[in-house]
Amino acid sequence: MNNQPEVSTSLPLAVQRASNSLKIGGQIGFWFQLVLGVVSAVILTVSSFFYFGAKDVSVEAAGMGLVFAFTGLIALGVSIYFSYRYIQLSRRLAIADPSDRPKRATILRQLRIGLIINLAGLLLTILGSQTIVGVVLIKALQQGPFAQRSQEFVTAIDILSIQANINVIFAHTAGILSTIWLQDRLNQQ
């Protein structure tokens, strides 16, 4: 009647360690990335209302930076999904029947895909950050005692956009570190 696979307490020690490592690494990566991703998504969404639709060239450039940042955020969402999959793989690895357990090559392939997604997302987010920081720098250099238009001033939304990008970079870094840690742990088995 129970559709859940039977979890065995008499698993080989290497399988138990691999399952525990996948569970711990998956949970750490999942929660770090989820919290930072949600905070960044809210900030970037609010920022986009201020940037998109403006006619100023510097604001349009910042909007392009936000496009890169949102693309990095989408990659972060996929990475969060992969961290969740690591937790699911840990549960499947703890099944008593060895034929129902995922193969080591399958697990390592999932880790490699997750790592590639995090690296691509990190690259996109860095491109977005650099674009936004460049726009803010130009605004700061042009800002002087005679600035007349409000778009020439560095605003709090500019700084929040930078902070959101830094959060996404940190989240991708957490995903990369947890995946590398998992690969190292699984390669020790």
C-alpha atoms as a PDB file:
ATOM      1  CA  MET A   1       0.000   0.000   0.000  1.00  0.00           C
ATOM      2  CA  ASN A   2       2.913   2.349   0.643  1.00  0.00           C
ATOM      3  CA  ASN A   3       4.368   3.779  -2.581  1.00  0.00           C
ATOM      4  CA  GLN A   4       7.528   5.041  -0.870  1.00  0.00           C
ATOM      5  CA  PRO A   5      10.633   2.949  -1.575  1.00  0.00           C
ATOM      6  CA  GLU A   6      11.992   1.057   1.371  1.00  0.00           C
ATOM      7  CA  VAL A   7      14.962   2.764   2.990  1.00  0.00           C
ATOM      8  CA  SER A   8      17.524   0.355   4.312  1.00  0.00           C
ATOM      9  CA  THR A   9      19.581   0.800   7.449  1.00  0.00           C
ATOM     10  CA  SER A  10      21.979  -1.880   6.244  1.00  0.00           C
ATOM     11  CA  LEU A  11      23.348   0.074   3.311  1.00  0.00           C
ATOM     12  CA  PRO A  12      27.049  -0.158   2.534  1.00  0.00           C
ATOM     13  CA  LEU A  13      29.009   2.553   4.343  1.00  0.00           C
ATOM     14  CA  ALA A  14      30.075   4.246   1.087  1.00  0.00           C
ATOM     15  CA  VAL A  15      26.448   4.503  -0.062  1.00  0.00           C
ATOM     16  CA  GLN A  16      25.381   5.908   3.326  1.00  0.00           C
ATOM     17  CA  ARG A  17      28.124   8.530   3.173  1.00  0.00           C
ATOM     18  CA  ALA A  18      27.265   9.477  -0.404  1.00  0.00           C
ATOM     19  CA  SER A  19      23.572   9.755   0.484  1.00  0.00           C
ATOM     20  CA  ASN A  20      24.304  11.915   3.541  1.00  0.00           C
ATOM     21  CA  SER A  21      26.678  14.128   1.544  1.00  0.00           C
ATOM     22  CA  LEU A  22      24.098  14.661  -1.202  1.00  0.00           C
ATOM     23  CA  LYS A  23      21.462  15.496   1.390  1.00  0.00           C
ATOM     24  CA  ILE A  24      23.631  17.996   3.277  1.00  0.00           C
ATOM     25  CA  GLY A  25      25.147  19.623   0.181  1.00  0.00           C
ATOM     26  CA  GLY A  26      21.774  19.792  -1.545  1.00  0.00           C
ATOM     27  CA  GLN A  27      20.068  21.378   1.453  1.00  0.00           C
ATOM     28  CA  ILE A  28      22.820  23.947   2.007  1.00  0.00           C
ATOM     29  CA  GLY A  29      22.877  24.890  -1.681  1.00  0.00           C
ATOM     30  CA  PHE A  30      19.078  24.944  -1.893  1.00  0.00           C
ATOM     31  CA  TRP A  31      18.448  27.224   1.085  1.00  0.00           C
ATOM     32  CA  PHE A  32      21.336  29.640   0.457  1.00  0.00           C
ATOM     33  CA  GLN A  33      20.357  30.063  -3.168  1.00  0.00           C
ATOM     34  CA  LEU A  34      16.626  30.243  -2.478  1.00  0.00           C
ATOM     35  CA  VAL A  35      16.850  32.988   0.168  1.00  0.00           C
ATOM     36  CA  LEU A  36      19.346  35.087  -1.782  1.00  0.00           C
ATOM     37  CA  GLY A  37      17.459  34.525  -5.023  1.00  0.00           C
ATOM     38  CA  VAL A  38      14.094  35.618  -3.617  1.00  0.00           C
ATOM     39  CA  VAL A  39      15.571  38.772  -2.082  1.00  0.00           C
ATOM     40  CA  SER A  40      17.363  39.608  -5.325  1.00  0.00           C
ATOM     41  CA  ALA A  41      14.290  38.903  -7.454  1.00  0.00           C
ATOM     42  CA  VAL A  42      12.231  41.347  -5.407  1.00  0.00           C
ATOM     43  CA  ILE A  43      14.907  44.052  -5.578  1.00  0.00           C
ATOM     44  CA  LEU A  44      15.520  43.587  -9.306  1.00  0.00           C
ATOM     45  CA  THR A  45      11.791  43.631 -10.042  1.00  0.00           C
ATOM     46  CA  VAL A  46      11.381  46.915  -8.172  1.00  0.00           C
ATOM     47  CA  SER A  47      14.477  48.305  -9.921  1.00  0.00           C
ATOM     48  CA  SER A  48      13.143  47.368 -13.329  1.00  0.00           C
ATOM     49  CA  PHE A  49      10.120  49.649 -12.847  1.00  0.00           C
ATOM     50  CA  PHE A  50      12.488  52.595 -12.438  1.00  0.00           C
ATOM     51  CA  TYR A  51      14.831  51.724 -15.293  1.00  0.00           C
ATOM     52  CA  PHE A  52      12.599  50.460 -18.082  1.00  0.00           C
ATOM     53  CA  GLY A  53      10.706  53.120 -19.955  1.00  0.00           C
ATOM     54  CA  ALA A  54      13.214  55.869 -19.218  1.00  0.00           C
ATOM     55  CA  LYS A  55      14.589  57.825 -22.164  1.00  0.00           C
ATOM     56  CA  ASP A  56      18.055  58.569 -20.748  1.00  0.00           C
ATOM     57  CA  VAL A  57      20.961  56.676 -22.353  1.00  0.00           C
ATOM     58  CA  SER A  58      22.560  55.802 -18.995  1.00  0.00           C
ATOM     59  CA  VAL A  59      19.257  54.451 -17.719  1.00  0.00           C
ATOM     60  CA  GLU A  60      18.875  52.372 -20.885  1.00  0.00           C
ATOM     61  CA  ALA A  61      22.339  50.922 -20.267  1.00  0.00           C
ATOM     62  CA  ALA A  62      21.356  50.090 -16.696  1.00  0.00           C
ATOM     63  CA  GLY A  63      18.264  48.412 -18.130  1.00  0.00           C
ATOM     64  CA  MET A  64      20.529  46.215 -20.234  1.00  0.00           C
ATOM     65  CA  GLY A  65      22.423  45.361 -17.062  1.00  0.00           C
ATOM     66  CA  LEU A  66      19.122  44.338 -15.497  1.00  0.00           C
ATOM     67  CA  VAL A  67      18.413  42.051 -18.454  1.00  0.00           C
ATOM     68  CA  PHE A  68      21.721  40.261 -17.777  1.00  0.00           C
ATOM     69  CA  ALA A  69      20.914  40.198 -14.066  1.00  0.00           C
ATOM     70  CA  PHE A  70      17.464  38.669 -14.665  1.00  0.00           C
ATOM     71  CA  THR A  71      19.034  36.063 -16.948  1.00  0.00           C
ATOM     72  CA  GLY A  72      21.471  35.209 -14.155  1.00  0.00           C
ATOM     73  CA  LEU A  73      18.487  35.015 -11.800  1.00  0.00           C
ATOM     74  CA  ILE A  74      16.760  32.551 -14.140  1.00  0.00           C
ATOM     75  CA  ALA A  75      19.925  30.431 -14.133  1.00  0.00           C
ATOM     76  CA  LEU A  76      19.827  30.646 -10.321  1.00  0.00           C
ATOM     77  CA  GLY A  77      16.285  29.266 -10.393  1.00  0.00           C
ATOM     78  CA  VAL A  78      17.482  26.306 -12.442  1.00  0.00           C
ATOM     79  CA  SER A  79      20.375  25.848 -10.009  1.00  0.00           C
ATOM     80  CA  ILE A  80      17.943  25.837  -7.064  1.00  0.00           C
ATOM     81  CA  TYR A  81      16.036  23.090  -8.845  1.00  0.00           C
ATOM     82  CA  PHE A  82      19.257  21.104  -9.242  1.00  0.00           C
ATOM     83  CA  SER A  83      20.035  21.507  -5.532  1.00  0.00           C
ATOM     84  CA  TYR A  84      16.590  20.102  -4.815  1.00  0.00           C
ATOM     85  CA  ARG A  85      17.372  17.219  -7.175  1.00  0.00           C
ATOM     86  CA  TYR A  86      20.506  16.456  -5.142  1.00  0.00           C
ATOM     87  CA  ILE A  87      18.269  15.995  -2.097  1.00  0.00           C
ATOM     88  CA  GLN A  88      15.998  13.698  -4.118  1.00  0.00           C
ATOM     89  CA  LEU A  89      19.033  11.734  -5.348  1.00  0.00           C
ATOM     90  CA  SER A  90      20.138  11.280  -1.730  1.00  0.00           C
ATOM     91  CA  ARG A  91      16.773   9.710  -0.929  1.00  0.00           C
ATOM     92  CA  ARG A  92      16.919   7.445  -3.963  1.00  0.00           C
ATOM     93  CA  LEU A  93      20.456   6.444  -3.044  1.00  0.00           C
ATOM     94  CA  ALA A  94      19.240   5.234   0.370  1.00  0.00           C
ATOM     95  CA  ILE A  95      16.898   2.648  -1.166  1.00  0.00           C
ATOM     96  CA  ALA A  96      17.523  -0.934  -0.045  1.00  0.00           C
ATOM     97  CA  ASP A  97      17.397  -2.449  -3.546  1.00  0.00           C
ATOM     98  CA  PRO A  98      20.698  -1.675  -5.330  1.00  0.00           C
ATOM     99  CA  SER A  99      19.046  -1.874  -8.761  1.00  0.00           C
ATOM    100  CA  ASP A 100      16.755   1.061  -7.847  1.00  0.00           C
ATOM    101  CA  ARG A 101      19.624   3.317  -6.747  1.00  0.00           C
ATOM    102  CA  PRO A 102      20.988   5.916  -9.161  1.00  0.00           C
ATOM    103  CA  LYS A 103      24.356   5.050 -10.637  1.00  0.00           C
ATOM    104  CA  ARG A 104      27.434   6.999  -9.611  1.00  0.00           C
ATOM    105  CA  ALA A 105      27.914   8.249 -13.177  1.00  0.00           C
ATOM    106  CA  THR A 106      24.340   9.607 -13.187  1.00  0.00           C
ATOM    107  CA  ILE A 107      24.921  11.497  -9.942  1.00  0.00           C
ATOM    108  CA  LEU A 108      28.229  12.928 -11.139  1.00  0.00           C
ATOM    109  CA  ARG A 109      26.617  13.988 -14.430  1.00  0.00           C
ATOM    110  CA  GLN A 110      23.880  15.829 -12.490  1.00  0.00           C
ATOM    111  CA  LEU A 111      26.529  17.573 -10.409  1.00  0.00           C
ATOM    112  CA  ARG A 112      28.459  18.580 -13.532  1.00  0.00           C
ATOM    113  CA  ILE A 113      25.312  20.029 -15.151  1.00  0.00           C
ATOM    114  CA  GLY A 114      24.521  21.945 -11.954  1.00  0.00           C
ATOM    115  CA  LEU A 115      28.047  23.325 -11.879  1.00  0.00           C
ATOM    116  CA  ILE A 116      27.851  24.466 -15.511  1.00  0.00           C
ATOM    117  CA  ILE A 117      24.509  26.186 -14.860  1.00  0.00           C
ATOM    118  CA  ASN A 118      25.965  28.019 -11.851  1.00  0.00           C
ATOM    119  CA  LEU A 119      29.037  29.106 -13.812  1.00  0.00           C
ATOM    120  CA  ALA A 120      26.921  30.401 -16.711  1.00  0.00           C
ATOM    121  CA  GLY A 121      24.609  32.226 -14.291  1.00  0.00           C
ATOM    122  CA  LEU A 122      27.598  33.700 -12.492  1.00  0.00           C
ATOM    123  CA  LEU A 123      29.008  35.005 -15.781  1.00  0.00           C
ATOM    124  CA  LEU A 124      25.685  36.577 -16.796  1.00  0.00           C
ATOM    125  CA  THR A 125      25.221  38.176 -13.398  1.00  0.00           C
ATOM    126  CA  ILE A 126      28.750  39.593 -13.423  1.00  0.00           C
ATOM    127  CA  LEU A 127      28.060  41.114 -16.864  1.00  0.00           C
ATOM    128  CA  GLY A 128      24.898  42.687 -15.468  1.00  0.00           C
ATOM    129  CA  SER A 129      26.721  43.953 -12.391  1.00  0.00           C
ATOM    130  CA  GLN A 130      29.492  45.506 -14.430  1.00  0.00           C
ATOM    131  CA  THR A 131      26.985  47.275 -16.655  1.00  0.00           C
ATOM    132  CA  ILE A 132      25.058  48.699 -13.704  1.00  0.00           C
ATOM    133  CA  VAL A 133      28.231  49.685 -11.841  1.00  0.00           C
ATOM    134  CA  GLY A 134      29.479  51.430 -15.007  1.00  0.00           C
ATOM    135  CA  VAL A 135      26.253  53.416 -15.268  1.00  0.00           C
ATOM    136  CA  VAL A 136      26.404  54.391 -11.592  1.00  0.00           C
ATOM    137  CA  LEU A 137      30.042  55.426 -11.999  1.00  0.00           C
ATOM    138  CA  ILE A 138      29.178  57.615 -14.980  1.00  0.00           C
ATOM    139  CA  LYS A 139      26.350  59.193 -12.980  1.00  0.00           C
ATOM    140  CA  ALA A 140      28.668  59.816 -10.046  1.00  0.00           C
ATOM    141  CA  LEU A 141      31.321  61.396 -12.268  1.00  0.00           C
ATOM    142  CA  GLN A 142      28.780  63.656 -13.961  1.00  0.00           C
ATOM    143  CA  GLN A 143      27.161  64.562 -10.689  1.00  0.00           C
ATOM    144  CA  GLY A 144      28.249  67.943  -9.513  1.00  0.00           C
ATOM    145  CA  PRO A 145      26.918  71.057  -7.945  1.00  0.00           C
ATOM    146  CA  PHE A 146      25.175  72.021 -11.190  1.00  0.00           C
ATOM    147  CA  ALA A 147      23.383  68.766 -12.008  1.00  0.00           C
ATOM    148  CA  GLN A 148      19.857  69.622 -13.068  1.00  0.00           C
ATOM    149  CA  ARG A 149      18.086  66.405 -13.997  1.00  0.00           C
ATOM    150  CA  SER A 150      17.188  63.797 -11.403  1.00  0.00           C
ATOM    151  CA  GLN A 151      18.479  61.037 -13.724  1.00  0.00           C
ATOM    152  CA  GLU A 152      21.996  62.425 -13.299  1.00  0.00           C
ATOM    153  CA  PHE A 153      22.028  61.625  -9.582  1.00  0.00           C
ATOM    154  CA  VAL A 154      23.038  58.296  -8.110  1.00  0.00           C
ATOM    155  CA  THR A 155      19.896  56.992  -6.443  1.00  0.00           C
ATOM    156  CA  ALA A 156      19.123  54.383  -3.837  1.00  0.00           C
ATOM    157  CA  ILE A 157      17.641  52.178  -6.550  1.00  0.00           C
ATOM    158  CA  ASP A 158      21.029  52.185  -8.304  1.00  0.00           C
ATOM    159  CA  ILE A 159      22.698  50.935  -5.131  1.00  0.00           C
ATOM    160  CA  LEU A 160      19.932  48.361  -4.527  1.00  0.00           C
ATOM    161  CA  SER A 161      20.425  47.019  -8.070  1.00  0.00           C
ATOM    162  CA  ILE A 162      24.114  46.546  -7.344  1.00  0.00           C
ATOM    163  CA  GLN A 163      23.275  44.837  -4.034  1.00  0.00           C
ATOM    164  CA  ALA A 164      20.823  42.479  -5.750  1.00  0.00           C
ATOM    165  CA  ASN A 165      23.485  41.512  -8.287  1.00  0.00           C
ATOM    166  CA  ILE A 166      25.983  40.865  -5.510  1.00  0.00           C
ATOM    167  CA  ASN A 167      23.407  38.625  -3.800  1.00  0.00           C
ATOM    168  CA  VAL A 168      22.922  36.621  -7.003  1.00  0.00           C
ATOM    169  CA  ILE A 169      26.697  36.329  -7.430  1.00  0.00           C
ATOM    170  CA  PHE A 170      26.946  35.073  -3.841  1.00  0.00           C
ATOM    171  CA  ALA A 171      24.103  32.605  -4.442  1.00  0.00           C
ATOM    172  CA  HIS A 172      25.801  31.207  -7.564  1.00  0.00           C
ATOM    173  CA  THR A 173      29.057  30.980  -5.628  1.00  0.00           C
ATOM    174  CA  ALA A 174      27.286  29.021  -2.868  1.00  0.00           C
ATOM    175  CA  GLY A 175      25.904  26.670  -5.515  1.00  0.00           C
ATOM    176  CA  ILE A 176      29.336  26.230  -7.074  1.00  0.00           C
ATOM    177  CA  LEU A 177      30.978  25.557  -3.716  1.00  0.00           C
ATOM    178  CA  SER A 178      28.333  23.056  -2.610  1.00  0.00           C
ATOM    179  CA  THR A 179      28.585  21.226  -5.948  1.00  0.00           C
ATOM    180  CA  ILE A 180      32.380  21.094  -5.824  1.00  0.00           C
ATOM    181  CA  TRP A 181      32.175  19.848  -2.225  1.00  0.00           C
ATOM    182  CA  LEU A 182      29.715  17.144  -3.318  1.00  0.00           C
ATOM    183  CA  GLN A 183      31.922  16.100  -6.230  1.00  0.00           C
ATOM    184  CA  ASP A 184      34.899  15.872  -3.899  1.00  0.00           C
ATOM    185  CA  ARG A 185      32.945  13.806  -1.359  1.00  0.00           C
ATOM    186  CA  LEU A 186      31.625  11.447  -3.999  1.00  0.00           C
ATOM    187  CA  ASN A 187      35.009  11.014  -5.625  1.00  0.00           C
ATOM    188  CA  GLN A 188      36.453   9.959  -2.236  1.00  0.00           C
ATOM    189  CA  GLN A 189      34.063   6.988  -2.119  1.00  0.00           C
END
